[in-house]
Amino acid sequence: LHFSRTAWDNMNAALFAVGACYATQRALE
């Protein structure tokens, strides 16, 4: 929540990690 409310750019790493995990799982299936 804290990192969601401060204008740093760290949050994009979490988004890209979740997206990569989901896309790769789907691809492997």
PDB file of all heavy atoms in Angstrom:
ATOM      1  N   LEU A   1       0.835  -1.205   0.000  1.00  0.00           N
ATOM      2  CA  LEU A   1       0.000   0.000   0.000  1.00  0.00           C
ATOM      3  C   LEU A   1       0.868   1.252   0.000  1.00  0.00           C
ATOM      4  O   LEU A   1       0.590   2.220  -0.716  1.00  0.00           O
ATOM      5  CB  LEU A   1      -0.925  -0.017   1.213  1.00  0.00           C
ATOM      6  CG  LEU A   1      -1.837   1.204   1.417  1.00  0.00           C
ATOM      7  CD1 LEU A   1      -2.800   1.367   0.245  1.00  0.00           C
ATOM      8  CD2 LEU A   1      -2.611   1.069   2.722  1.00  0.00           C
ATOM      9  N   HIS A   2       1.919   1.242   0.790  1.00  0.00           N
ATOM     10  CA  HIS A   2       2.779   2.425   0.882  1.00  0.00           C
ATOM     11  C   HIS A   2       3.417   2.751  -0.458  1.00  0.00           C
ATOM     12  O   HIS A   2       3.424   3.913  -0.902  1.00  0.00           O
ATOM     13  CB  HIS A   2       3.849   2.200   1.950  1.00  0.00           C
ATOM     14  CG  HIS A   2       4.821   3.328   2.071  1.00  0.00           C
ATOM     15  ND1 HIS A   2       4.422   4.642   2.193  1.00  0.00           N
ATOM     16  CD2 HIS A   2       6.184   3.360   2.079  1.00  0.00           C
ATOM     17  CE1 HIS A   2       5.490   5.435   2.279  1.00  0.00           C
ATOM     18  NE2 HIS A   2       6.563   4.676   2.199  1.00  0.00           N
ATOM     19  N   PHE A   3       3.960   1.745  -1.129  1.00  0.00           N
ATOM     20  CA  PHE A   3       4.595   1.995  -2.417  1.00  0.00           C
ATOM     21  C   PHE A   3       3.565   2.305  -3.503  1.00  0.00           C
ATOM     22  O   PHE A   3       3.934   2.824  -4.556  1.00  0.00           O
ATOM     23  CB  PHE A   3       5.458   0.801  -2.818  1.00  0.00           C
ATOM     24  CG  PHE A   3       6.817   0.823  -2.174  1.00  0.00           C
ATOM     25  CD1 PHE A   3       7.016   0.241  -0.934  1.00  0.00           C
ATOM     26  CD2 PHE A   3       7.885   1.433  -2.781  1.00  0.00           C
ATOM     27  CE1 PHE A   3       8.254   0.260  -0.317  1.00  0.00           C
ATOM     28  CE2 PHE A   3       9.139   1.469  -2.179  1.00  0.00           C
ATOM     29  CZ  PHE A   3       9.322   0.873  -0.936  1.00  0.00           C
ATOM     30  N   SER A   4       2.310   2.004  -3.246  1.00  0.00           N
ATOM     31  CA  SER A   4       1.242   2.352  -4.188  1.00  0.00           C
ATOM     32  C   SER A   4       0.877   3.830  -4.116  1.00  0.00           C
ATOM     33  O   SER A   4       0.190   4.338  -5.003  1.00  0.00           O
ATOM     34  CB  SER A   4      -0.026   1.529  -3.890  1.00  0.00           C
ATOM     35  OG  SER A   4       0.209   0.151  -3.986  1.00  0.00           O
ATOM     36  N   ARG A   5       1.313   4.523  -3.073  1.00  0.00           N
ATOM     37  CA  ARG A   5       0.870   5.887  -2.824  1.00  0.00           C
ATOM     38  C   ARG A   5       1.997   6.917  -2.918  1.00  0.00           C
ATOM     39  O   ARG A   5       1.786   8.082  -2.598  1.00  0.00           O
ATOM     40  CB  ARG A   5       0.218   5.970  -1.436  1.00  0.00           C
ATOM     41  CG  ARG A   5      -1.081   5.187  -1.297  1.00  0.00           C
ATOM     42  CD  ARG A   5      -1.591   5.220   0.134  1.00  0.00           C
ATOM     43  NE  ARG A   5      -1.794   6.568   0.612  1.00  0.00           N
ATOM     44  CZ  ARG A   5      -2.968   7.211   0.602  1.00  0.00           C
ATOM     45  NH1 ARG A   5      -4.046   6.609   0.128  1.00  0.00           N
ATOM     46  NH2 ARG A   5      -3.058   8.441   1.075  1.00  0.00           N
ATOM     47  N   THR A   6       3.166   6.510  -3.320  1.00  0.00           N
ATOM     48  CA  THR A   6       4.294   7.431  -3.456  1.00  0.00           C
ATOM     49  C   THR A   6       4.830   7.349  -4.869  1.00  0.00           C
ATOM     50  O   THR A   6       4.993   6.247  -5.405  1.00  0.00           O
ATOM     51  CB  THR A   6       5.408   7.095  -2.442  1.00  0.00           C
ATOM     52  OG1 THR A   6       4.883   7.204  -1.117  1.00  0.00           O
ATOM     53  CG2 THR A   6       6.566   8.069  -2.572  1.00  0.00           C
ATOM     54  N   ALA A   7       5.120   8.497  -5.468  1.00  0.00           N
ATOM     55  CA  ALA A   7       5.458   8.553  -6.903  1.00  0.00           C
ATOM     56  C   ALA A   7       6.902   8.155  -7.177  1.00  0.00           C
ATOM     57  O   ALA A   7       7.679   8.902  -7.783  1.00  0.00           O
ATOM     58  CB  ALA A   7       5.170   9.950  -7.448  1.00  0.00           C
ATOM     59  N   TRP A   8       7.256   6.961  -6.699  1.00  0.00           N
ATOM     60  CA  TRP A   8       8.472   6.303  -7.136  1.00  0.00           C
ATOM     61  C   TRP A   8       8.103   5.382  -8.298  1.00  0.00           C
ATOM     62  O   TRP A   8       6.922   5.167  -8.587  1.00  0.00           O
ATOM     63  CB  TRP A   8       9.085   5.504  -5.978  1.00  0.00           C
ATOM     64  CG  TRP A   8       9.466   6.343  -4.797  1.00  0.00           C
ATOM     65  CD1 TRP A   8      10.059   7.568  -4.832  1.00  0.00           C
ATOM     66  CD2 TRP A   8       9.282   6.017  -3.407  1.00  0.00           C
ATOM     67  NE1 TRP A   8      10.258   8.033  -3.545  1.00  0.00           N
ATOM     68  CE2 TRP A   8       9.794   7.107  -2.646  1.00  0.00           C
ATOM     69  CE3 TRP A   8       8.744   4.923  -2.721  1.00  0.00           C
ATOM     70  CZ2 TRP A   8       9.783   7.130  -1.263  1.00  0.00           C
ATOM     71  CZ3 TRP A   8       8.740   4.956  -1.331  1.00  0.00           C
ATOM     72  CH2 TRP A   8       9.251   6.038  -0.615  1.00  0.00           C
ATOM     73  N   ASP A   9       9.108   4.806  -8.949  1.00  0.00           N
ATOM     74  CA  ASP A   9       8.815   3.949 -10.101  1.00  0.00           C
ATOM     75  C   ASP A   9       9.016   2.470  -9.801  1.00  0.00           C
ATOM     76  O   ASP A   9       9.022   1.640 -10.704  1.00  0.00           O
ATOM     77  CB  ASP A   9       9.667   4.357 -11.311  1.00  0.00           C
ATOM     78  CG  ASP A   9      11.159   4.307 -11.022  1.00  0.00           C
ATOM     79  OD1 ASP A   9      11.528   4.097  -9.858  1.00  0.00           O
ATOM     80  OD2 ASP A   9      11.958   4.507 -11.963  1.00  0.00           O
ATOM     81  N   ASN A  10       9.148   2.114  -8.503  1.00  0.00           N
ATOM     82  CA  ASN A  10       9.397   0.720  -8.132  1.00  0.00           C
ATOM     83  C   ASN A  10       8.250  -0.205  -8.513  1.00  0.00           C
ATOM     84  O   ASN A  10       8.452  -1.388  -8.794  1.00  0.00           O
ATOM     85  CB  ASN A  10       9.614   0.615  -6.615  1.00  0.00           C
ATOM     86  CG  ASN A  10      10.449   1.737  -6.066  1.00  0.00           C
ATOM     87  OD1 ASN A  10       9.997   2.875  -6.019  1.00  0.00           O
ATOM     88  ND2 ASN A  10      11.656   1.434  -5.644  1.00  0.00           N
ATOM     89  N   MET A  11       7.019   0.329  -8.490  1.00  0.00           N
ATOM     90  CA  MET A  11       5.838  -0.506  -8.676  1.00  0.00           C
ATOM     91  C   MET A  11       5.808  -1.197 -10.037  1.00  0.00           C
ATOM     92  O   MET A  11       5.219  -2.273 -10.189  1.00  0.00           O
ATOM     93  CB  MET A  11       4.570   0.329  -8.488  1.00  0.00           C
ATOM     94  CG  MET A  11       3.271  -0.458  -8.485  1.00  0.00           C
ATOM     95  SD  MET A  11       3.183  -1.741  -7.198  1.00  0.00           S
ATOM     96  CE  MET A  11       3.115  -0.724  -5.722  1.00  0.00           C
ATOM     97  N   ASN A  12       6.458  -0.598 -11.044  1.00  0.00           N
ATOM     98  CA  ASN A  12       6.378  -1.251 -12.360  1.00  0.00           C
ATOM     99  C   ASN A  12       7.070  -2.612 -12.373  1.00  0.00           C
ATOM    100  O   ASN A  12       6.675  -3.503 -13.132  1.00  0.00           O
ATOM    101  CB  ASN A  12       6.909  -0.346 -13.471  1.00  0.00           C
ATOM    102  CG  ASN A  12       8.363   0.041 -13.319  1.00  0.00           C
ATOM    103  OD1 ASN A  12       9.194  -0.719 -12.810  1.00  0.00           O
ATOM    104  ND2 ASN A  12       8.706   1.238 -13.773  1.00  0.00           N
ATOM    105  N   ALA A  13       8.071  -2.806 -11.503  1.00  0.00           N
ATOM    106  CA  ALA A  13       8.738  -4.112 -11.449  1.00  0.00           C
ATOM    107  C   ALA A  13       7.775  -5.194 -10.993  1.00  0.00           C
ATOM    108  O   ALA A  13       7.784  -6.318 -11.512  1.00  0.00           O
ATOM    109  CB  ALA A  13       9.949  -4.055 -10.528  1.00  0.00           C
ATOM    110  N   ALA A  14       6.913  -4.881 -10.013  1.00  0.00           N
ATOM    111  CA  ALA A  14       5.932  -5.852  -9.534  1.00  0.00           C
ATOM    112  C   ALA A  14       4.924  -6.181 -10.633  1.00  0.00           C
ATOM    113  O   ALA A  14       4.566  -7.350 -10.838  1.00  0.00           O
ATOM    114  CB  ALA A  14       5.210  -5.311  -8.302  1.00  0.00           C
ATOM    115  N   LEU A  15       4.465  -5.166 -11.343  1.00  0.00           N
ATOM    116  CA  LEU A  15       3.510  -5.387 -12.429  1.00  0.00           C
ATOM    117  C   LEU A  15       4.114  -6.259 -13.528  1.00  0.00           C
ATOM    118  O   LEU A  15       3.490  -7.227 -13.986  1.00  0.00           O
ATOM    119  CB  LEU A  15       3.075  -4.042 -13.008  1.00  0.00           C
ATOM    120  CG  LEU A  15       2.205  -4.096 -14.276  1.00  0.00           C
ATOM    121  CD1 LEU A  15       0.907  -4.845 -14.022  1.00  0.00           C
ATOM    122  CD2 LEU A  15       1.920  -2.682 -14.782  1.00  0.00           C
ATOM    123  N   PHE A  16       5.325  -5.945 -13.952  1.00  0.00           N
ATOM    124  CA  PHE A  16       5.951  -6.703 -15.033  1.00  0.00           C
ATOM    125  C   PHE A  16       6.270  -8.133 -14.600  1.00  0.00           C
ATOM    126  O   PHE A  16       6.195  -9.068 -15.410  1.00  0.00           O
ATOM    127  CB  PHE A  16       7.221  -5.995 -15.508  1.00  0.00           C
ATOM    128  CG  PHE A  16       6.991  -4.593 -16.005  1.00  0.00           C
ATOM    129  CD1 PHE A  16       7.992  -3.638 -15.930  1.00  0.00           C
ATOM    130  CD2 PHE A  16       5.766  -4.221 -16.532  1.00  0.00           C
ATOM    131  CE1 PHE A  16       7.784  -2.344 -16.388  1.00  0.00           C
ATOM    132  CE2 PHE A  16       5.544  -2.919 -16.986  1.00  0.00           C
ATOM    133  CZ  PHE A  16       6.554  -1.985 -16.914  1.00  0.00           C
ATOM    134  N   ALA A  17       6.615  -8.323 -13.319  1.00  0.00           N
ATOM    135  CA  ALA A  17       6.902  -9.672 -12.823  1.00  0.00           C
ATOM    136  C   ALA A  17       5.653 -10.534 -12.841  1.00  0.00           C
ATOM    137  O   ALA A  17       5.679 -11.686 -13.308  1.00  0.00           O
ATOM    138  CB  ALA A  17       7.475  -9.597 -11.408  1.00  0.00           C
ATOM    139  N   VAL A  18       4.546 -10.000 -12.339  1.00  0.00           N
ATOM    140  CA  VAL A  18       3.293 -10.765 -12.345  1.00  0.00           C
ATOM    141  C   VAL A  18       2.851 -11.046 -13.774  1.00  0.00           C
ATOM    142  O   VAL A  18       2.424 -12.165 -14.100  1.00  0.00           O
ATOM    143  CB  VAL A  18       2.201 -10.000 -11.577  1.00  0.00           C
ATOM    144  CG1 VAL A  18       0.855 -10.698 -11.713  1.00  0.00           C
ATOM    145  CG2 VAL A  18       2.570  -9.886 -10.099  1.00  0.00           C
ATOM    146  N   GLY A  19       2.958 -10.048 -14.646  1.00  0.00           N
ATOM    147  CA  GLY A  19       2.583 -10.245 -16.045  1.00  0.00           C
ATOM    148  C   GLY A  19       3.439 -11.289 -16.728  1.00  0.00           C
ATOM    149  O   GLY A  19       2.932 -12.135 -17.472  1.00  0.00           O
ATOM    150  N   ALA A  20       4.753 -11.255 -16.471  1.00  0.00           N
ATOM    151  CA  ALA A  20       5.648 -12.236 -17.078  1.00  0.00           C
ATOM    152  C   ALA A  20       5.350 -13.638 -16.577  1.00  0.00           C
ATOM    153  O   ALA A  20       5.367 -14.609 -17.350  1.00  0.00           O
ATOM    154  CB  ALA A  20       7.100 -11.868 -16.792  1.00  0.00           C
ATOM    155  N   CYS A  21       5.070 -13.770 -15.286  1.00  0.00           N
ATOM    156  CA  CYS A  21       4.758 -15.082 -14.721  1.00  0.00           C
ATOM    157  C   CYS A  21       3.486 -15.653 -15.343  1.00  0.00           C
ATOM    158  O   CYS A  21       3.444 -16.821 -15.752  1.00  0.00           O
ATOM    159  CB  CYS A  21       4.615 -14.966 -13.207  1.00  0.00           C
ATOM    160  SG  CYS A  21       4.413 -16.554 -12.364  1.00  0.00           S
ATOM    161  N   TYR A  22       2.462 -14.824 -15.440  1.00  0.00           N
ATOM    162  CA  TYR A  22       1.194 -15.283 -16.005  1.00  0.00           C
ATOM    163  C   TYR A  22       1.349 -15.666 -17.479  1.00  0.00           C
ATOM    164  O   TYR A  22       0.906 -16.750 -17.910  1.00  0.00           O
ATOM    165  CB  TYR A  22       0.134 -14.193 -15.867  1.00  0.00           C
ATOM    166  CG  TYR A  22      -1.218 -14.566 -16.430  1.00  0.00           C
ATOM    167  CD1 TYR A  22      -2.067 -15.412 -15.729  1.00  0.00           C
ATOM    168  CD2 TYR A  22      -1.630 -14.097 -17.667  1.00  0.00           C
ATOM    169  CE1 TYR A  22      -3.305 -15.776 -16.244  1.00  0.00           C
ATOM    170  CE2 TYR A  22      -2.861 -14.440 -18.196  1.00  0.00           C
ATOM    171  CZ  TYR A  22      -3.698 -15.283 -17.475  1.00  0.00           C
ATOM    172  OH  TYR A  22      -4.917 -15.629 -18.001  1.00  0.00           O
ATOM    173  N   ALA A  23       1.973 -14.793 -18.265  1.00  0.00           N
ATOM    174  CA  ALA A  23       2.118 -15.053 -19.700  1.00  0.00           C
ATOM    175  C   ALA A  23       2.960 -16.299 -19.943  1.00  0.00           C
ATOM    176  O   ALA A  23       2.647 -17.115 -20.830  1.00  0.00           O
ATOM    177  CB  ALA A  23       2.749 -13.845 -20.385  1.00  0.00           C
ATOM    178  N   THR A  24       4.028 -16.475 -19.157  1.00  0.00           N
ATOM    179  CA  THR A  24       4.902 -17.632 -19.360  1.00  0.00           C
ATOM    180  C   THR A  24       4.199 -18.926 -18.974  1.00  0.00           C
ATOM    181  O   THR A  24       4.344 -19.954 -19.660  1.00  0.00           O
ATOM    182  CB  THR A  24       6.204 -17.459 -18.561  1.00  0.00           C
ATOM    183  OG1 THR A  24       6.815 -16.218 -18.894  1.00  0.00           O
ATOM    184  CG2 THR A  24       7.175 -18.588 -18.874  1.00  0.00           C
ATOM    185  N   GLN A  25       3.424 -18.899 -17.888  1.00  0.00           N
ATOM    186  CA  GLN A  25       2.653 -20.086 -17.522  1.00  0.00           C
ATOM    187  C   GLN A  25       1.675 -20.460 -18.629  1.00  0.00           C
ATOM    188  O   GLN A  25       1.553 -21.637 -18.987  1.00  0.00           O
ATOM    189  CB  GLN A  25       1.894 -19.841 -16.221  1.00  0.00           C
ATOM    190  CG  GLN A  25       2.698 -20.101 -14.969  1.00  0.00           C
ATOM    191  CD  GLN A  25       1.828 -20.179 -13.724  1.00  0.00           C
ATOM    192  OE1 GLN A  25       0.691 -19.722 -13.718  1.00  0.00           O
ATOM    193  NE2 GLN A  25       2.370 -20.751 -12.665  1.00  0.00           N
ATOM    194  N   ARG A  26       0.969 -19.467 -19.152  1.00  0.00           N
ATOM    195  CA  ARG A  26       0.028 -19.749 -20.230  1.00  0.00           C
ATOM    196  C   ARG A  26       0.756 -20.288 -21.460  1.00  0.00           C
ATOM    197  O   ARG A  26       0.278 -21.217 -22.129  1.00  0.00           O
ATOM    198  CB  ARG A  26      -0.749 -18.484 -20.597  1.00  0.00           C
ATOM    199  CG  ARG A  26      -1.699 -17.944 -19.525  1.00  0.00           C
ATOM    200  CD  ARG A  26      -2.829 -18.917 -19.235  1.00  0.00           C
ATOM    201  NE  ARG A  26      -3.622 -19.245 -20.394  1.00  0.00           N
ATOM    202  CZ  ARG A  26      -4.735 -18.605 -20.755  1.00  0.00           C
ATOM    203  NH1 ARG A  26      -5.175 -17.584 -20.024  1.00  0.00           N
ATOM    204  NH2 ARG A  26      -5.420 -18.985 -21.820  1.00  0.00           N
ATOM    205  N   ALA A  27       1.908 -19.709 -21.748  1.00  0.00           N
ATOM    206  CA  ALA A  27       2.671 -20.148 -22.917  1.00  0.00           C
ATOM    207  C   ALA A  27       3.129 -21.592 -22.777  1.00  0.00           C
ATOM    208  O   ALA A  27       3.068 -22.377 -23.736  1.00  0.00           O
ATOM    209  CB  ALA A  27       3.879 -19.230 -23.108  1.00  0.00           C
ATOM    210  N   LEU A  28       3.568 -21.978 -21.577  1.00  0.00           N
ATOM    211  CA  LEU A  28       4.065 -23.332 -21.356  1.00  0.00           C
ATOM    212  C   LEU A  28       2.954 -24.372 -21.403  1.00  0.00           C
ATOM    213  O   LEU A  28       3.212 -25.557 -21.591  1.00  0.00           O
ATOM    214  CB  LEU A  28       4.788 -23.407 -20.010  1.00  0.00           C
ATOM    215  CG  LEU A  28       6.145 -22.687 -19.956  1.00  0.00           C
ATOM    216  CD1 LEU A  28       6.617 -22.529 -18.521  1.00  0.00           C
ATOM    217  CD2 LEU A  28       7.183 -23.443 -20.781  1.00  0.00           C
ATOM    218  N   GLU A  29       1.711 -23.926 -21.251  1.00  0.00           N
ATOM    219  CA  GLU A  29       0.575 -24.850 -21.319  1.00  0.00           C
ATOM    220  C   GLU A  29       0.088 -25.063 -22.747  1.00  0.00           C
ATOM    221  O   GLU A  29      -0.701 -25.979 -23.008  1.00  0.00           O
ATOM    222  CB  GLU A  29      -0.569 -24.327 -20.455  1.00  0.00           C
ATOM    223  CG  GLU A  29      -0.258 -24.359 -18.965  1.00  0.00           C
ATOM    224  CD  GLU A  29      -1.297 -23.626 -18.140  1.00  0.00           C
ATOM    225  OE1 GLU A  29      -2.212 -23.022 -18.745  1.00  0.00           O
ATOM    226  OE2 GLU A  29      -1.210 -23.651 -16.902  1.00  0.00           O
TER     227      GLU A  29
END
